[in-house]
């Protein structure tokens, strides 16, 4: 991994009530920035279940992927959110198979759902954090956000309430 990445933690999954859209909130480990990423309802539920440590009666899709990777001897070494283009985020899973590292293109939501289940470290490129991340509060008491698509919505989020990671 290059030095152009910062480690983050999956903090919570949220619902934007008026639109019904879901997002996952990542928090920079050694800093005060947050990264919100819009995700689908099924991926939001998968991440929320894992954050809550809920075990389902039968494996859901991301559980199945984890089981398959383990049975095949693959280890998920890390997840990276590598870029954002027109408010679409791109991620990579880094798998170690027979001492060889494989990069797998992934939607961030799927990569995060897998990472949360395995306790895998998640990293975000500094460029993505600079362009799409929330910084700490400004003098006006609002969050500063790099991309305009989330600005109004993010300013209405109550981010200090990140103790409850569930929808």
C-alpha atoms as a PDB file:
ATOM      1  CA  UNK A   1       0.000   0.000   0.000  1.00  0.00           C
ATOM      2  CA  UNK A   2       1.322   3.424  -0.869  1.00  0.00           C
ATOM      3  CA  UNK A   3       1.657   6.219   1.647  1.00  0.00           C
ATOM      4  CA  UNK A   4      -1.174   8.023  -0.142  1.00  0.00           C
ATOM      5  CA  UNK A   5      -3.768   6.215   1.980  1.00  0.00           C
ATOM      6  CA  UNK A   6      -5.262   6.816   5.422  1.00  0.00           C
ATOM      7  CA  UNK A   7      -6.789   4.141   7.641  1.00  0.00           C
ATOM      8  CA  UNK A   8     -10.495   4.541   8.420  1.00  0.00           C
ATOM      9  CA  UNK A   9     -13.082   2.729  10.515  1.00  0.00           C
ATOM     10  CA  UNK A  10     -16.622   1.861   9.509  1.00  0.00           C
ATOM     11  CA  UNK A  11     -18.549   3.984  12.004  1.00  0.00           C
ATOM     12  CA  UNK A  12     -22.190   3.605  11.069  1.00  0.00           C
ATOM     13  CA  UNK A  13     -24.860   3.034   8.476  1.00  0.00           C
ATOM     14  CA  UNK A  14     -27.448   5.789   8.125  1.00  0.00           C
ATOM     15  CA  UNK A  15     -30.721   6.371   6.315  1.00  0.00           C
ATOM     16  CA  UNK A  16     -31.628   9.672   4.711  1.00  0.00           C
ATOM     17  CA  UNK A  17     -35.292   9.574   5.754  1.00  0.00           C
ATOM     18  CA  UNK A  18     -36.808  11.895   3.108  1.00  0.00           C
ATOM     19  CA  UNK A  19     -35.270   9.937   0.220  1.00  0.00           C
ATOM     20  CA  UNK A  20     -34.932   6.508   1.846  1.00  0.00           C
ATOM     21  CA  UNK A  21     -31.336   6.304   0.605  1.00  0.00           C
ATOM     22  CA  UNK A  22     -28.649   4.657   2.714  1.00  0.00           C
ATOM     23  CA  UNK A  23     -25.069   5.634   3.363  1.00  0.00           C
ATOM     24  CA  UNK A  24     -22.117   4.273   5.258  1.00  0.00           C
ATOM     25  CA  UNK A  25     -19.967   6.635   7.320  1.00  0.00           C
ATOM     26  CA  UNK A  26     -16.226   5.988   7.487  1.00  0.00           C
ATOM     27  CA  UNK A  27     -14.092   7.850  10.040  1.00  0.00           C
ATOM     28  CA  UNK A  28     -10.409   8.629   9.616  1.00  0.00           C
ATOM     29  CA  UNK A  29      -8.523   6.813  12.399  1.00  0.00           C
ATOM     30  CA  UNK A  30      -5.855   9.437  13.045  1.00  0.00           C
ATOM     31  CA  UNK A  31      -7.839  12.506  12.112  1.00  0.00           C
ATOM     32  CA  UNK A  32     -11.173  14.168  12.331  1.00  0.00           C
ATOM     33  CA  UNK A  33     -12.543  13.529   8.853  1.00  0.00           C
ATOM     34  CA  UNK A  34     -15.542  11.425   7.891  1.00  0.00           C
ATOM     35  CA  UNK A  35     -16.316   9.922   4.506  1.00  0.00           C
ATOM     36  CA  UNK A  36     -19.988   9.296   3.661  1.00  0.00           C
ATOM     37  CA  UNK A  37     -20.674   6.885   0.800  1.00  0.00           C
ATOM     38  CA  UNK A  38     -24.169   6.273  -0.615  1.00  0.00           C
ATOM     39  CA  UNK A  39     -24.911   2.534  -0.726  1.00  0.00           C
ATOM     40  CA  UNK A  40     -27.810   0.245  -1.558  1.00  0.00           C
ATOM     41  CA  UNK A  41     -30.304  -1.012   1.002  1.00  0.00           C
ATOM     42  CA  UNK A  42     -29.088  -4.626   0.876  1.00  0.00           C
ATOM     43  CA  UNK A  43     -25.456  -3.661   1.374  1.00  0.00           C
ATOM     44  CA  UNK A  44     -26.503  -1.255   4.156  1.00  0.00           C
ATOM     45  CA  UNK A  45     -28.321  -4.097   5.896  1.00  0.00           C
ATOM     46  CA  UNK A  46     -25.329  -6.425   5.419  1.00  0.00           C
ATOM     47  CA  UNK A  47     -22.936  -3.880   6.959  1.00  0.00           C
ATOM     48  CA  UNK A  48     -25.356  -3.043   9.794  1.00  0.00           C
ATOM     49  CA  UNK A  49     -25.798  -6.739  10.648  1.00  0.00           C
ATOM     50  CA  UNK A  50     -22.030  -7.209  10.828  1.00  0.00           C
ATOM     51  CA  UNK A  51     -21.503  -4.042  12.888  1.00  0.00           C
ATOM     52  CA  UNK A  52     -24.158  -5.309  15.313  1.00  0.00           C
ATOM     53  CA  UNK A  53     -22.580  -8.770  15.323  1.00  0.00           C
ATOM     54  CA  UNK A  54     -25.917 -10.309  14.406  1.00  0.00           C
ATOM     55  CA  UNK A  55     -25.613 -13.895  13.209  1.00  0.00           C
ATOM     56  CA  UNK A  56     -28.259 -14.937  10.714  1.00  0.00           C
ATOM     57  CA  UNK A  57     -29.741 -18.422  10.605  1.00  0.00           C
ATOM     58  CA  UNK A  58     -28.402 -18.927   7.080  1.00  0.00           C
ATOM     59  CA  UNK A  59     -25.456 -17.113   5.494  1.00  0.00           C
ATOM     60  CA  UNK A  60     -26.344 -13.976   3.554  1.00  0.00           C
ATOM     61  CA  UNK A  61     -24.370 -13.122   0.409  1.00  0.00           C
ATOM     62  CA  UNK A  62     -21.415 -11.440   2.122  1.00  0.00           C
ATOM     63  CA  UNK A  63     -21.204 -14.225   4.715  1.00  0.00           C
ATOM     64  CA  UNK A  64     -21.110 -16.725   1.855  1.00  0.00           C
ATOM     65  CA  UNK A  65     -18.308 -14.791   0.149  1.00  0.00           C
ATOM     66  CA  UNK A  66     -16.297 -14.806   3.395  1.00  0.00           C
ATOM     67  CA  UNK A  67     -16.870 -18.553   3.847  1.00  0.00           C
ATOM     68  CA  UNK A  68     -15.823 -19.239   0.258  1.00  0.00           C
ATOM     69  CA  UNK A  69     -12.663 -17.147   0.594  1.00  0.00           C
ATOM     70  CA  UNK A  70     -11.720 -18.933   3.811  1.00  0.00           C
ATOM     71  CA  UNK A  71     -12.418 -22.386   2.370  1.00  0.00           C
ATOM     72  CA  UNK A  72     -10.272 -21.548  -0.667  1.00  0.00           C
ATOM     73  CA  UNK A  73      -7.407 -20.384   1.532  1.00  0.00           C
ATOM     74  CA  UNK A  74      -7.640 -16.717   0.578  1.00  0.00           C
ATOM     75  CA  UNK A  75      -7.048 -13.996   3.154  1.00  0.00           C
ATOM     76  CA  UNK A  76      -8.430 -10.487   2.739  1.00  0.00           C
ATOM     77  CA  UNK A  77      -5.396  -8.362   3.609  1.00  0.00           C
ATOM     78  CA  UNK A  78      -7.009  -4.925   3.255  1.00  0.00           C
ATOM     79  CA  UNK A  79      -9.670  -2.875   1.538  1.00  0.00           C
ATOM     80  CA  UNK A  80      -8.895   0.388  -0.214  1.00  0.00           C
ATOM     81  CA  UNK A  81     -11.299   3.084  -1.381  1.00  0.00           C
ATOM     82  CA  UNK A  82      -9.136   4.208  -4.281  1.00  0.00           C
ATOM     83  CA  UNK A  83     -11.039   6.892  -6.178  1.00  0.00           C
ATOM     84  CA  UNK A  84     -14.237   8.820  -6.695  1.00  0.00           C
ATOM     85  CA  UNK A  85     -15.541   9.964 -10.068  1.00  0.00           C
ATOM     86  CA  UNK A  86     -18.804  11.895 -10.462  1.00  0.00           C
ATOM     87  CA  UNK A  87     -19.712  10.924  -6.885  1.00  0.00           C
ATOM     88  CA  UNK A  88     -19.218   7.198  -7.648  1.00  0.00           C
ATOM     89  CA  UNK A  89     -16.654   5.550  -5.363  1.00  0.00           C
ATOM     90  CA  UNK A  90     -14.304   2.733  -6.407  1.00  0.00           C
ATOM     91  CA  UNK A  91     -12.679   0.175  -4.124  1.00  0.00           C
ATOM     92  CA  UNK A  92     -10.284  -2.750  -4.237  1.00  0.00           C
ATOM     93  CA  UNK A  93     -10.018  -5.872  -2.143  1.00  0.00           C
ATOM     94  CA  UNK A  94      -6.478  -7.161  -1.673  1.00  0.00           C
ATOM     95  CA  UNK A  95      -6.457 -10.931  -1.283  1.00  0.00           C
ATOM     96  CA  UNK A  96      -3.503 -13.131  -0.432  1.00  0.00           C
ATOM     97  CA  UNK A  97      -3.736 -16.510  -2.106  1.00  0.00           C
ATOM     98  CA  UNK A  98      -0.780 -18.913  -1.934  1.00  0.00           C
ATOM     99  CA  UNK A  99       1.526 -16.018  -0.890  1.00  0.00           C
ATOM    100  CA  UNK A 100       0.475 -13.966  -3.908  1.00  0.00           C
ATOM    101  CA  UNK A 101      -1.483 -10.700  -3.598  1.00  0.00           C
ATOM    102  CA  UNK A 102      -4.441 -10.280  -5.931  1.00  0.00           C
ATOM    103  CA  UNK A 103      -6.254  -6.966  -6.441  1.00  0.00           C
ATOM    104  CA  UNK A 104      -9.989  -7.337  -6.960  1.00  0.00           C
ATOM    105  CA  UNK A 105     -12.138  -4.435  -8.188  1.00  0.00           C
ATOM    106  CA  UNK A 106     -15.159  -3.970  -5.941  1.00  0.00           C
ATOM    107  CA  UNK A 107     -17.962  -1.643  -5.044  1.00  0.00           C
ATOM    108  CA  UNK A 108     -17.079  -0.024  -1.715  1.00  0.00           C
ATOM    109  CA  UNK A 109     -20.273  -1.333  -0.119  1.00  0.00           C
ATOM    110  CA  UNK A 110     -19.408  -4.959  -0.901  1.00  0.00           C
ATOM    111  CA  UNK A 111     -15.782  -4.539   0.128  1.00  0.00           C
ATOM    112  CA  UNK A 112     -16.848  -2.921   3.412  1.00  0.00           C
ATOM    113  CA  UNK A 113     -19.449  -5.622   4.123  1.00  0.00           C
ATOM    114  CA  UNK A 114     -16.679  -8.220   3.773  1.00  0.00           C
ATOM    115  CA  UNK A 115     -14.119  -6.187   5.737  1.00  0.00           C
ATOM    116  CA  UNK A 116     -16.466  -5.663   8.693  1.00  0.00           C
ATOM    117  CA  UNK A 117     -17.097  -9.402   8.905  1.00  0.00           C
ATOM    118  CA  UNK A 118     -13.391 -10.217   8.921  1.00  0.00           C
ATOM    119  CA  UNK A 119     -12.031  -7.285  10.895  1.00  0.00           C
ATOM    120  CA  UNK A 120      -9.961  -6.299   7.867  1.00  0.00           C
ATOM    121  CA  UNK A 121      -8.340  -2.869   7.824  1.00  0.00           C
ATOM    122  CA  UNK A 122      -9.879  -0.289   5.503  1.00  0.00           C
ATOM    123  CA  UNK A 123      -7.934   2.528   3.855  1.00  0.00           C
ATOM    124  CA  UNK A 124      -9.036   5.539   1.807  1.00  0.00           C
ATOM    125  CA  UNK A 125      -6.801   7.423  -0.596  1.00  0.00           C
ATOM    126  CA  UNK A 126      -5.820  10.870   0.666  1.00  0.00           C
ATOM    127  CA  UNK A 127      -7.166  12.319  -2.594  1.00  0.00           C
ATOM    128  CA  UNK A 128     -10.607  10.824  -1.954  1.00  0.00           C
ATOM    129  CA  UNK A 129     -10.610  12.110   1.627  1.00  0.00           C
ATOM    130  CA  UNK A 130      -9.521  15.554   0.445  1.00  0.00           C
ATOM    131  CA  UNK A 131     -12.202  15.705  -2.257  1.00  0.00           C
ATOM    132  CA  UNK A 132     -15.129  13.923  -0.627  1.00  0.00           C
ATOM    133  CA  UNK A 133     -14.434  13.846   3.100  1.00  0.00           C
ATOM    134  CA  UNK A 134     -15.967  15.856   5.893  1.00  0.00           C
ATOM    135  CA  UNK A 135     -13.533  17.834   7.998  1.00  0.00           C
ATOM    136  CA  UNK A 136     -14.062  18.883  11.576  1.00  0.00           C
ATOM    137  CA  UNK A 137     -16.545  21.635  12.304  1.00  0.00           C
ATOM    138  CA  UNK A 138     -15.946  25.080  10.896  1.00  0.00           C
ATOM    139  CA  UNK A 139     -16.488  28.333  12.772  1.00  0.00           C
ATOM    140  CA  UNK A 140     -20.119  28.393  11.615  1.00  0.00           C
ATOM    141  CA  UNK A 141     -20.721  25.004  13.250  1.00  0.00           C
ATOM    142  CA  UNK A 142     -21.232  23.227   9.914  1.00  0.00           C
ATOM    143  CA  UNK A 143     -19.176  20.394   8.476  1.00  0.00           C
ATOM    144  CA  UNK A 144     -16.955  21.245   5.535  1.00  0.00           C
ATOM    145  CA  UNK A 145     -17.418  18.787   2.668  1.00  0.00           C
ATOM    146  CA  UNK A 146     -15.427  18.562  -0.533  1.00  0.00           C
ATOM    147  CA  UNK A 147     -18.212  17.475  -2.896  1.00  0.00           C
ATOM    148  CA  UNK A 148     -21.420  19.445  -3.376  1.00  0.00           C
ATOM    149  CA  UNK A 149     -23.747  16.441  -3.829  1.00  0.00           C
ATOM    150  CA  UNK A 150     -23.787  15.697  -0.093  1.00  0.00           C
ATOM    151  CA  UNK A 151     -23.276  19.180   1.300  1.00  0.00           C
ATOM    152  CA  UNK A 152     -26.856  20.027   2.297  1.00  0.00           C
ATOM    153  CA  UNK A 153     -27.601  16.485   3.477  1.00  0.00           C
ATOM    154  CA  UNK A 154     -24.357  16.191   5.460  1.00  0.00           C
ATOM    155  CA  UNK A 155     -24.895  19.541   7.151  1.00  0.00           C
ATOM    156  CA  UNK A 156     -28.154  18.124   8.513  1.00  0.00           C
ATOM    157  CA  UNK A 157     -26.572  14.904   9.834  1.00  0.00           C
ATOM    158  CA  UNK A 158     -25.999  14.622  13.539  1.00  0.00           C
ATOM    159  CA  UNK A 159     -22.550  13.010  13.270  1.00  0.00           C
ATOM    160  CA  UNK A 160     -21.598  13.259  16.960  1.00  0.00           C
ATOM    161  CA  UNK A 161     -24.247  10.553  17.534  1.00  0.00           C
ATOM    162  CA  UNK A 162     -22.012   7.862  16.037  1.00  0.00           C
ATOM    163  CA  UNK A 163     -22.304   5.672  19.132  1.00  0.00           C
ATOM    164  CA  UNK A 164     -25.184   3.773  17.486  1.00  0.00           C
ATOM    165  CA  UNK A 165     -23.806   2.231  14.278  1.00  0.00           C
ATOM    166  CA  UNK A 166     -27.141   0.858  13.155  1.00  0.00           C
ATOM    167  CA  UNK A 167     -29.745   2.186  10.793  1.00  0.00           C
END
